[in-house]
Amino acid sequence: MLRLAEKRGIVTGGAGGIGLAASILFVQEGAKVLLVDLNEDALQEAVATIGSDAASYVVADVTQPEQVQHYTQTAVERLGGIHSGLF
């Protein structure tokens, strides 16, 4: 049984390191994720690694409130909502 089946969330810093590793694990457990980072090339590679059926991305700076609002709204639109506190 997948522990995160039907769950959806946002992973900041998702283009590499801990964020990418966590995203891979979340998807392996059934979640869908929106990756957020500043480096679009790295985000594209991350989504290719994870699989575009379970992951997508937005280029954004998490220190900018308007960009946080944008990627949060994008997650709701693309994923059908988000589960807070999931990850």
PDB file of N, CA and C in Angstrom:
ATOM      1  N   MET A   1       0.842  -1.183   0.000  1.00  0.00           N
ATOM      2  CA  MET A   1       0.000   0.000   0.000  1.00  0.00           C
ATOM      3  C   MET A   1       0.886   1.244   0.000  1.00  0.00           C
ATOM      4  N   LEU A   2       0.572   2.185  -0.856  1.00  0.00           N
ATOM      5  CA  LEU A   2       1.323   3.427  -0.939  1.00  0.00           C
ATOM      6  C   LEU A   2       0.860   4.390   0.144  1.00  0.00           C
ATOM      7  N   ARG A   3       1.783   4.841   0.954  1.00  0.00           N
ATOM      8  CA  ARG A   3       1.433   5.697   2.095  1.00  0.00           C
ATOM      9  C   ARG A   3       0.953   7.083   1.691  1.00  0.00           C
ATOM     10  N   LEU A   4       1.341   7.548   0.491  1.00  0.00           N
ATOM     11  CA  LEU A   4       0.966   8.898   0.077  1.00  0.00           C
ATOM     12  C   LEU A   4       0.057   8.903  -1.146  1.00  0.00           C
ATOM     13  N   ALA A   5      -0.630   7.799  -1.397  1.00  0.00           N
ATOM     14  CA  ALA A   5      -1.530   7.715  -2.546  1.00  0.00           C
ATOM     15  C   ALA A   5      -2.550   8.844  -2.505  1.00  0.00           C
ATOM     16  N   GLU A   6      -2.715   9.481  -3.659  1.00  0.00           N
ATOM     17  CA  GLU A   6      -3.688  10.567  -3.820  1.00  0.00           C
ATOM     18  C   GLU A   6      -3.320  11.845  -3.067  1.00  0.00           C
ATOM     19  N   LYS A   7      -2.147  11.934  -2.495  1.00  0.00           N
ATOM     20  CA  LYS A   7      -1.709  13.159  -1.810  1.00  0.00           C
ATOM     21  C   LYS A   7      -0.976  14.047  -2.806  1.00  0.00           C
ATOM     22  N   ARG A   8      -0.996  15.352  -2.552  1.00  0.00           N
ATOM     23  CA  ARG A   8      -0.375  16.328  -3.436  1.00  0.00           C
ATOM     24  C   ARG A   8       0.341  17.382  -2.597  1.00  0.00           C
ATOM     25  N   GLY A   9       1.520  17.787  -3.059  1.00  0.00           N
ATOM     26  CA  GLY A   9       2.254  18.789  -2.290  1.00  0.00           C
ATOM     27  C   GLY A   9       3.264  19.556  -3.108  1.00  0.00           C
ATOM     28  N   ILE A  10       3.818  20.568  -2.483  1.00  0.00           N
ATOM     29  CA  ILE A  10       4.835  21.442  -3.067  1.00  0.00           C
ATOM     30  C   ILE A  10       6.157  21.135  -2.391  1.00  0.00           C
ATOM     31  N   VAL A  11       7.217  21.022  -3.196  1.00  0.00           N
ATOM     32  CA  VAL A  11       8.555  20.814  -2.649  1.00  0.00           C
ATOM     33  C   VAL A  11       9.431  21.968  -3.110  1.00  0.00           C
ATOM     34  N   THR A  12       9.807  22.844  -2.177  1.00  0.00           N
ATOM     35  CA  THR A  12      10.716  23.928  -2.516  1.00  0.00           C
ATOM     36  C   THR A  12      12.142  23.378  -2.500  1.00  0.00           C
ATOM     37  N   GLY A  13      12.987  23.954  -3.328  1.00  0.00           N
ATOM     38  CA  GLY A  13      14.337  23.424  -3.475  1.00  0.00           C
ATOM     39  C   GLY A  13      14.307  22.076  -4.175  1.00  0.00           C
ATOM     40  N   GLY A  14      13.306  21.868  -5.000  1.00  0.00           N
ATOM     41  CA  GLY A  14      13.071  20.573  -5.610  1.00  0.00           C
ATOM     42  C   GLY A  14      13.989  20.195  -6.760  1.00  0.00           C
ATOM     43  N   ALA A  15      14.867  21.090  -7.180  1.00  0.00           N
ATOM     44  CA  ALA A  15      15.716  20.800  -8.337  1.00  0.00           C
ATOM     45  C   ALA A  15      16.939  19.959  -7.999  1.00  0.00           C
ATOM     46  N   GLY A  16      17.242  19.800  -6.750  1.00  0.00           N
ATOM     47  CA  GLY A  16      18.436  19.017  -6.423  1.00  0.00           C
ATOM     48  C   GLY A  16      18.545  18.746  -4.939  1.00  0.00           C
ATOM     49  N   GLY A  17      19.553  17.981  -4.583  1.00  0.00           N
ATOM     50  CA  GLY A  17      19.844  17.706  -3.179  1.00  0.00           C
ATOM     51  C   GLY A  17      18.693  17.064  -2.443  1.00  0.00           C
ATOM     52  N   ILE A  18      18.451  17.560  -1.248  1.00  0.00           N
ATOM     53  CA  ILE A  18      17.414  17.002  -0.381  1.00  0.00           C
ATOM     54  C   ILE A  18      16.028  17.145  -1.010  1.00  0.00           C
ATOM     55  N   GLY A  19      15.753  18.268  -1.650  1.00  0.00           N
ATOM     56  CA  GLY A  19      14.438  18.473  -2.260  1.00  0.00           C
ATOM     57  C   GLY A  19      14.136  17.455  -3.341  1.00  0.00           C
ATOM     58  N   LEU A  20      15.108  17.176  -4.194  1.00  0.00           N
ATOM     59  CA  LEU A  20      14.905  16.181  -5.247  1.00  0.00           C
ATOM     60  C   LEU A  20      14.771  14.787  -4.645  1.00  0.00           C
ATOM     61  N   ALA A  21      15.638  14.462  -3.703  1.00  0.00           N
ATOM     62  CA  ALA A  21      15.572  13.136  -3.061  1.00  0.00           C
ATOM     63  C   ALA A  21      14.220  12.934  -2.380  1.00  0.00           C
ATOM     64  N   ALA A  22      13.748  13.952  -1.685  1.00  0.00           N
ATOM     65  CA  ALA A  22      12.449  13.851  -1.016  1.00  0.00           C
ATOM     66  C   ALA A  22      11.328  13.692  -2.040  1.00  0.00           C
ATOM     67  N   SER A  23      11.394  14.445  -3.122  1.00  0.00           N
ATOM     68  CA  SER A  23      10.369  14.358  -4.161  1.00  0.00           C
ATOM     69  C   SER A  23      10.297  12.962  -4.753  1.00  0.00           C
ATOM     70  N   ILE A  24      11.445  12.376  -5.016  1.00  0.00           N
ATOM     71  CA  ILE A  24      11.483  11.012  -5.554  1.00  0.00           C
ATOM     72  C   ILE A  24      10.806  10.048  -4.583  1.00  0.00           C
ATOM     73  N   LEU A  25      11.118  10.168  -3.307  1.00  0.00           N
ATOM     74  CA  LEU A  25      10.488   9.290  -2.309  1.00  0.00           C
ATOM     75  C   LEU A  25       8.990   9.513  -2.208  1.00  0.00           C
ATOM     76  N   PHE A  26       8.567  10.773  -2.229  1.00  0.00           N
ATOM     77  CA  PHE A  26       7.140  11.069  -2.154  1.00  0.00           C
ATOM     78  C   PHE A  26       6.392  10.435  -3.322  1.00  0.00           C
ATOM     79  N   VAL A  27       6.956  10.578  -4.521  1.00  0.00           N
ATOM     80  CA  VAL A  27       6.318  10.011  -5.708  1.00  0.00           C
ATOM     81  C   VAL A  27       6.314   8.486  -5.638  1.00  0.00           C
ATOM     82  N   GLN A  28       7.392   7.904  -5.166  1.00  0.00           N
ATOM     83  CA  GLN A  28       7.429   6.443  -5.019  1.00  0.00           C
ATOM     84  C   GLN A  28       6.346   5.948  -4.058  1.00  0.00           C
ATOM     85  N   GLU A  29       5.953   6.803  -3.139  1.00  0.00           N
ATOM     86  CA  GLU A  29       4.892   6.452  -2.187  1.00  0.00           C
ATOM     87  C   GLU A  29       3.507   6.886  -2.662  1.00  0.00           C
ATOM     88  N   GLY A  30       3.406   7.374  -3.908  1.00  0.00           N
ATOM     89  CA  GLY A  30       2.109   7.653  -4.501  1.00  0.00           C
ATOM     90  C   GLY A  30       1.694   9.105  -4.616  1.00  0.00           C
ATOM     91  N   ALA A  31       2.506  10.037  -4.138  1.00  0.00           N
ATOM     92  CA  ALA A  31       2.148  11.459  -4.181  1.00  0.00           C
ATOM     93  C   ALA A  31       2.411  12.061  -5.557  1.00  0.00           C
ATOM     94  N   LYS A  32       1.802  13.203  -5.794  1.00  0.00           N
ATOM     95  CA  LYS A  32       2.114  14.056  -6.935  1.00  0.00           C
ATOM     96  C   LYS A  32       2.704  15.330  -6.353  1.00  0.00           C
ATOM     97  N   VAL A  33       3.735  15.855  -7.020  1.00  0.00           N
ATOM     98  CA  VAL A  33       4.452  16.998  -6.465  1.00  0.00           C
ATOM     99  C   VAL A  33       4.660  18.101  -7.488  1.00  0.00           C
ATOM    100  N   LEU A  34       4.708  19.321  -6.980  1.00  0.00           N
ATOM    101  CA  LEU A  34       5.121  20.478  -7.748  1.00  0.00           C
ATOM    102  C   LEU A  34       6.466  20.911  -7.189  1.00  0.00           C
ATOM    103  N   LEU A  35       7.492  20.869  -8.019  1.00  0.00           N
ATOM    104  CA  LEU A  35       8.830  21.268  -7.602  1.00  0.00           C
ATOM    105  C   LEU A  35       9.001  22.758  -7.841  1.00  0.00           C
ATOM    106  N   VAL A  36       9.637  23.432  -6.897  1.00  0.00           N
ATOM    107  CA  VAL A  36       9.890  24.864  -6.999  1.00  0.00           C
ATOM    108  C   VAL A  36      11.374  25.095  -6.767  1.00  0.00           C
ATOM    109  N   ASP A  37      11.983  25.889  -7.647  1.00  0.00           N
ATOM    110  CA  ASP A  37      13.401  26.227  -7.508  1.00  0.00           C
ATOM    111  C   ASP A  37      13.686  27.391  -8.443  1.00  0.00           C
ATOM    112  N   LEU A  38      14.908  27.896  -8.402  1.00  0.00           N
ATOM    113  CA  LEU A  38      15.312  29.011  -9.254  1.00  0.00           C
ATOM    114  C   LEU A  38      15.906  28.567 -10.584  1.00  0.00           C
ATOM    115  N   ASN A  39      16.400  27.345 -10.673  1.00  0.00           N
ATOM    116  CA  ASN A  39      17.128  26.865 -11.841  1.00  0.00           C
ATOM    117  C   ASN A  39      16.222  26.016 -12.730  1.00  0.00           C
ATOM    118  N   GLU A  40      15.769  26.612 -13.838  1.00  0.00           N
ATOM    119  CA  GLU A  40      14.829  25.897 -14.701  1.00  0.00           C
ATOM    120  C   GLU A  40      15.439  24.658 -15.347  1.00  0.00           C
ATOM    121  N   ASP A  41      16.690  24.732 -15.768  1.00  0.00           N
ATOM    122  CA  ASP A  41      17.319  23.560 -16.371  1.00  0.00           C
ATOM    123  C   ASP A  41      17.344  22.392 -15.387  1.00  0.00           C
ATOM    124  N   ALA A  42      17.709  22.673 -14.141  1.00  0.00           N
ATOM    125  CA  ALA A  42      17.743  21.622 -13.114  1.00  0.00           C
ATOM    126  C   ALA A  42      16.343  21.108 -12.806  1.00  0.00           C
ATOM    127  N   LEU A  43      15.352  21.989 -12.822  1.00  0.00           N
ATOM    128  CA  LEU A  43      13.971  21.559 -12.602  1.00  0.00           C
ATOM    129  C   LEU A  43      13.502  20.629 -13.719  1.00  0.00           C
ATOM    130  N   GLN A  44      13.845  20.958 -14.956  1.00  0.00           N
ATOM    131  CA  GLN A  44      13.475  20.102 -16.086  1.00  0.00           C
ATOM    132  C   GLN A  44      14.105  18.719 -15.943  1.00  0.00           C
ATOM    133  N   GLU A  45      15.368  18.683 -15.541  1.00  0.00           N
ATOM    134  CA  GLU A  45      16.045  17.402 -15.329  1.00  0.00           C
ATOM    135  C   GLU A  45      15.391  16.614 -14.191  1.00  0.00           C
ATOM    136  N   ALA A  46      15.022  17.318 -13.130  1.00  0.00           N
ATOM    137  CA  ALA A  46      14.392  16.659 -11.983  1.00  0.00           C
ATOM    138  C   ALA A  46      13.061  16.033 -12.385  1.00  0.00           C
ATOM    139  N   VAL A  47      12.251  16.768 -13.135  1.00  0.00           N
ATOM    140  CA  VAL A  47      10.958  16.236 -13.574  1.00  0.00           C
ATOM    141  C   VAL A  47      11.166  15.058 -14.516  1.00  0.00           C
ATOM    142  N   ALA A  48      12.173  15.130 -15.374  1.00  0.00           N
ATOM    143  CA  ALA A  48      12.472  14.003 -16.264  1.00  0.00           C
ATOM    144  C   ALA A  48      12.880  12.775 -15.454  1.00  0.00           C
ATOM    145  N   THR A  49      13.627  12.989 -14.380  1.00  0.00           N
ATOM    146  CA  THR A  49      14.051  11.884 -13.515  1.00  0.00           C
ATOM    147  C   THR A  49      12.860  11.270 -12.784  1.00  0.00           C
ATOM    148  N   ILE A  50      11.986  12.114 -12.265  1.00  0.00           N
ATOM    149  CA  ILE A  50      10.842  11.651 -11.473  1.00  0.00           C
ATOM    150  C   ILE A  50       9.749  11.075 -12.359  1.00  0.00           C
ATOM    151  N   GLY A  51       9.479  11.748 -13.456  1.00  0.00           N
ATOM    152  CA  GLY A  51       8.383  11.379 -14.350  1.00  0.00           C
ATOM    153  C   GLY A  51       7.330  12.459 -14.368  1.00  0.00           C
ATOM    154  N   SER A  52       7.001  12.926 -15.559  1.00  0.00           N
ATOM    155  CA  SER A  52       6.089  14.061 -15.670  1.00  0.00           C
ATOM    156  C   SER A  52       4.650  13.717 -15.316  1.00  0.00           C
ATOM    157  N   ASP A  53       4.320  12.444 -15.186  1.00  0.00           N
ATOM    158  CA  ASP A  53       2.968  12.097 -14.767  1.00  0.00           C
ATOM    159  C   ASP A  53       2.758  12.364 -13.272  1.00  0.00           C
ATOM    160  N   ALA A  54       3.844  12.446 -12.510  1.00  0.00           N
ATOM    161  CA  ALA A  54       3.737  12.650 -11.061  1.00  0.00           C
ATOM    162  C   ALA A  54       4.352  13.960 -10.592  1.00  0.00           C
ATOM    163  N   ALA A  55       5.081  14.635 -11.473  1.00  0.00           N
ATOM    164  CA  ALA A  55       5.770  15.856 -11.057  1.00  0.00           C
ATOM    165  C   ALA A  55       5.699  16.912 -12.143  1.00  0.00           C
ATOM    166  N   SER A  56       5.644  18.152 -11.705  1.00  0.00           N
ATOM    167  CA  SER A  56       5.776  19.297 -12.593  1.00  0.00           C
ATOM    168  C   SER A  56       6.555  20.354 -11.827  1.00  0.00           C
ATOM    169  N   TYR A  57       6.825  21.475 -12.464  1.00  0.00           N
ATOM    170  CA  TYR A  57       7.655  22.471 -11.784  1.00  0.00           C
ATOM    171  C   TYR A  57       7.214  23.889 -12.087  1.00  0.00           C
ATOM    172  N   VAL A  58       7.688  24.795 -11.228  1.00  0.00           N
ATOM    173  CA  VAL A  58       7.551  26.238 -11.405  1.00  0.00           C
ATOM    174  C   VAL A  58       8.864  26.862 -10.978  1.00  0.00           C
ATOM    175  N   VAL A  59       9.374  27.766 -11.810  1.00  0.00           N
ATOM    176  CA  VAL A  59      10.556  28.534 -11.443  1.00  0.00           C
ATOM    177  C   VAL A  59      10.084  29.687 -10.565  1.00  0.00           C
ATOM    178  N   ALA A  60      10.620  29.778  -9.352  1.00  0.00           N
ATOM    179  CA  ALA A  60      10.188  30.828  -8.431  1.00  0.00           C
ATOM    180  C   ALA A  60      11.217  31.036  -7.341  1.00  0.00           C
ATOM    181  N   ASP A  61      11.187  32.236  -6.784  1.00  0.00           N
ATOM    182  CA  ASP A  61      12.012  32.613  -5.646  1.00  0.00           C
ATOM    183  C   ASP A  61      11.113  32.583  -4.411  1.00  0.00           C
ATOM    184  N   VAL A  62      11.383  31.685  -3.498  1.00  0.00           N
ATOM    185  CA  VAL A  62      10.511  31.510  -2.331  1.00  0.00           C
ATOM    186  C   VAL A  62      10.578  32.674  -1.350  1.00  0.00           C
ATOM    187  N   THR A  63      11.487  33.616  -1.573  1.00  0.00           N
ATOM    188  CA  THR A  63      11.571  34.791  -0.701  1.00  0.00           C
ATOM    189  C   THR A  63      10.674  35.931  -1.186  1.00  0.00           C
ATOM    190  N   GLN A  64      10.016  35.724  -2.335  1.00  0.00           N
ATOM    191  CA  GLN A  64       9.171  36.766  -2.920  1.00  0.00           C
ATOM    192  C   GLN A  64       7.700  36.379  -2.774  1.00  0.00           C
ATOM    193  N   PRO A  65       6.950  37.114  -1.935  1.00  0.00           N
ATOM    194  CA  PRO A  65       5.556  36.732  -1.649  1.00  0.00           C
ATOM    195  C   PRO A  65       4.683  36.543  -2.891  1.00  0.00           C
ATOM    196  N   GLU A  66       4.836  37.394  -3.894  1.00  0.00           N
ATOM    197  CA  GLU A  66       3.995  37.255  -5.088  1.00  0.00           C
ATOM    198  C   GLU A  66       4.316  35.966  -5.849  1.00  0.00           C
ATOM    199  N   GLN A  67       5.577  35.548  -5.806  1.00  0.00           N
ATOM    200  CA  GLN A  67       5.950  34.298  -6.460  1.00  0.00           C
ATOM    201  C   GLN A  67       5.455  33.083  -5.664  1.00  0.00           C
ATOM    202  N   VAL A  68       5.459  33.199  -4.345  1.00  0.00           N
ATOM    203  CA  VAL A  68       4.902  32.133  -3.502  1.00  0.00           C
ATOM    204  C   VAL A  68       3.416  31.971  -3.812  1.00  0.00           C
ATOM    205  N   GLN A  69       2.706  33.070  -3.921  1.00  0.00           N
ATOM    206  CA  GLN A  69       1.278  33.033  -4.265  1.00  0.00           C
ATOM    207  C   GLN A  69       1.082  32.366  -5.622  1.00  0.00           C
ATOM    208  N   HIS A  70       1.942  32.706  -6.583  1.00  0.00           N
ATOM    209  CA  HIS A  70       1.830  32.139  -7.932  1.00  0.00           C
ATOM    210  C   HIS A  70       2.029  30.627  -7.925  1.00  0.00           C
ATOM    211  N   TYR A  71       3.102  30.133  -7.274  1.00  0.00           N
ATOM    212  CA  TYR A  71       3.321  28.687  -7.342  1.00  0.00           C
ATOM    213  C   TYR A  71       2.319  27.912  -6.496  1.00  0.00           C
ATOM    214  N   THR A  72       1.801  28.542  -5.456  1.00  0.00           N
ATOM    215  CA  THR A  72       0.756  27.882  -4.675  1.00  0.00           C
ATOM    216  C   THR A  72      -0.514  27.738  -5.512  1.00  0.00           C
ATOM    217  N   GLN A  73      -0.885  28.790  -6.205  1.00  0.00           N
ATOM    218  CA  GLN A  73      -2.067  28.738  -7.073  1.00  0.00           C
ATOM    219  C   GLN A  73      -1.853  27.750  -8.218  1.00  0.00           C
ATOM    220  N   THR A  74      -0.640  27.718  -8.756  1.00  0.00           N
ATOM    221  CA  THR A  74      -0.319  26.762  -9.819  1.00  0.00           C
ATOM    222  C   THR A  74      -0.474  25.327  -9.322  1.00  0.00           C
ATOM    223  N   ALA A  75      -0.027  25.058  -8.099  1.00  0.00           N
ATOM    224  CA  ALA A  75      -0.172  23.712  -7.531  1.00  0.00           C
ATOM    225  C   ALA A  75      -1.642  23.328  -7.413  1.00  0.00           C
ATOM    226  N   VAL A  76      -2.458  24.255  -6.974  1.00  0.00           N
ATOM    227  CA  VAL A  76      -3.892  23.983  -6.848  1.00  0.00           C
ATOM    228  C   VAL A  76      -4.482  23.662  -8.222  1.00  0.00           C
ATOM    229  N   GLU A  77      -4.103  24.438  -9.231  1.00  0.00           N
ATOM    230  CA  GLU A  77      -4.634  24.235 -10.580  1.00  0.00           C
ATOM    231  C   GLU A  77      -4.135  22.925 -11.197  1.00  0.00           C
ATOM    232  N   ARG A  78      -2.843  22.674 -11.114  1.00  0.00           N
ATOM    233  CA  ARG A  78      -2.273  21.483 -11.760  1.00  0.00           C
ATOM    234  C   ARG A  78      -2.554  20.195 -11.018  1.00  0.00           C
ATOM    235  N   LEU A  79      -2.505  20.256  -9.705  1.00  0.00           N
ATOM    236  CA  LEU A  79      -2.624  19.039  -8.908  1.00  0.00           C
ATOM    237  C   LEU A  79      -4.013  18.823  -8.336  1.00  0.00           C
ATOM    238  N   GLY A  80      -4.862  19.822  -8.455  1.00  0.00           N
ATOM    239  CA  GLY A  80      -6.208  19.706  -7.903  1.00  0.00           C
ATOM    240  C   GLY A  80      -6.261  20.008  -6.418  1.00  0.00           C
ATOM    241  N   GLY A  81      -5.246  20.701  -5.917  1.00  0.00           N
ATOM    242  CA  GLY A  81      -5.178  21.057  -4.500  1.00  0.00           C
ATOM    243  C   GLY A  81      -3.853  20.618  -3.910  1.00  0.00           C
ATOM    244  N   ILE A  82      -3.658  20.946  -2.652  1.00  0.00           N
ATOM    245  CA  ILE A  82      -2.456  20.515  -1.941  1.00  0.00           C
ATOM    246  C   ILE A  82      -2.851  20.050  -0.551  1.00  0.00           C
ATOM    247  N   HIS A  83      -2.038  19.185   0.008  1.00  0.00           N
ATOM    248  CA  HIS A  83      -2.237  18.701   1.375  1.00  0.00           C
ATOM    249  C   HIS A  83      -1.204  19.376   2.262  1.00  0.00           C
ATOM    250  N   SER A  84      -1.646  20.255   3.137  1.00  0.00           N
ATOM    251  CA  SER A  84      -0.697  20.942   4.002  1.00  0.00           C
ATOM    252  C   SER A  84      -0.187  20.002   5.078  1.00  0.00           C
ATOM    253  N   GLY A  85       1.072  20.171   5.426  1.00  0.00           N
ATOM    254  CA  GLY A  85       1.659  19.355   6.477  1.00  0.00           C
ATOM    255  C   GLY A  85       1.939  17.924   6.066  1.00  0.00           C
ATOM    256  N   LEU A  86       1.699  17.607   4.811  1.00  0.00           N
ATOM    257  CA  LEU A  86       1.903  16.241   4.333  1.00  0.00           C
ATOM    258  C   LEU A  86       3.361  15.848   4.379  1.00  0.00           C
ATOM    259  N   PHE A  87       4.192  16.735   3.896  1.00  0.00           N
ATOM    260  CA  PHE A  87       5.603  16.408   3.775  1.00  0.00           C
ATOM    261  C   PHE A  87       6.349  17.036   4.916  1.00  0.00           C
TER     262      PHE A  87
END
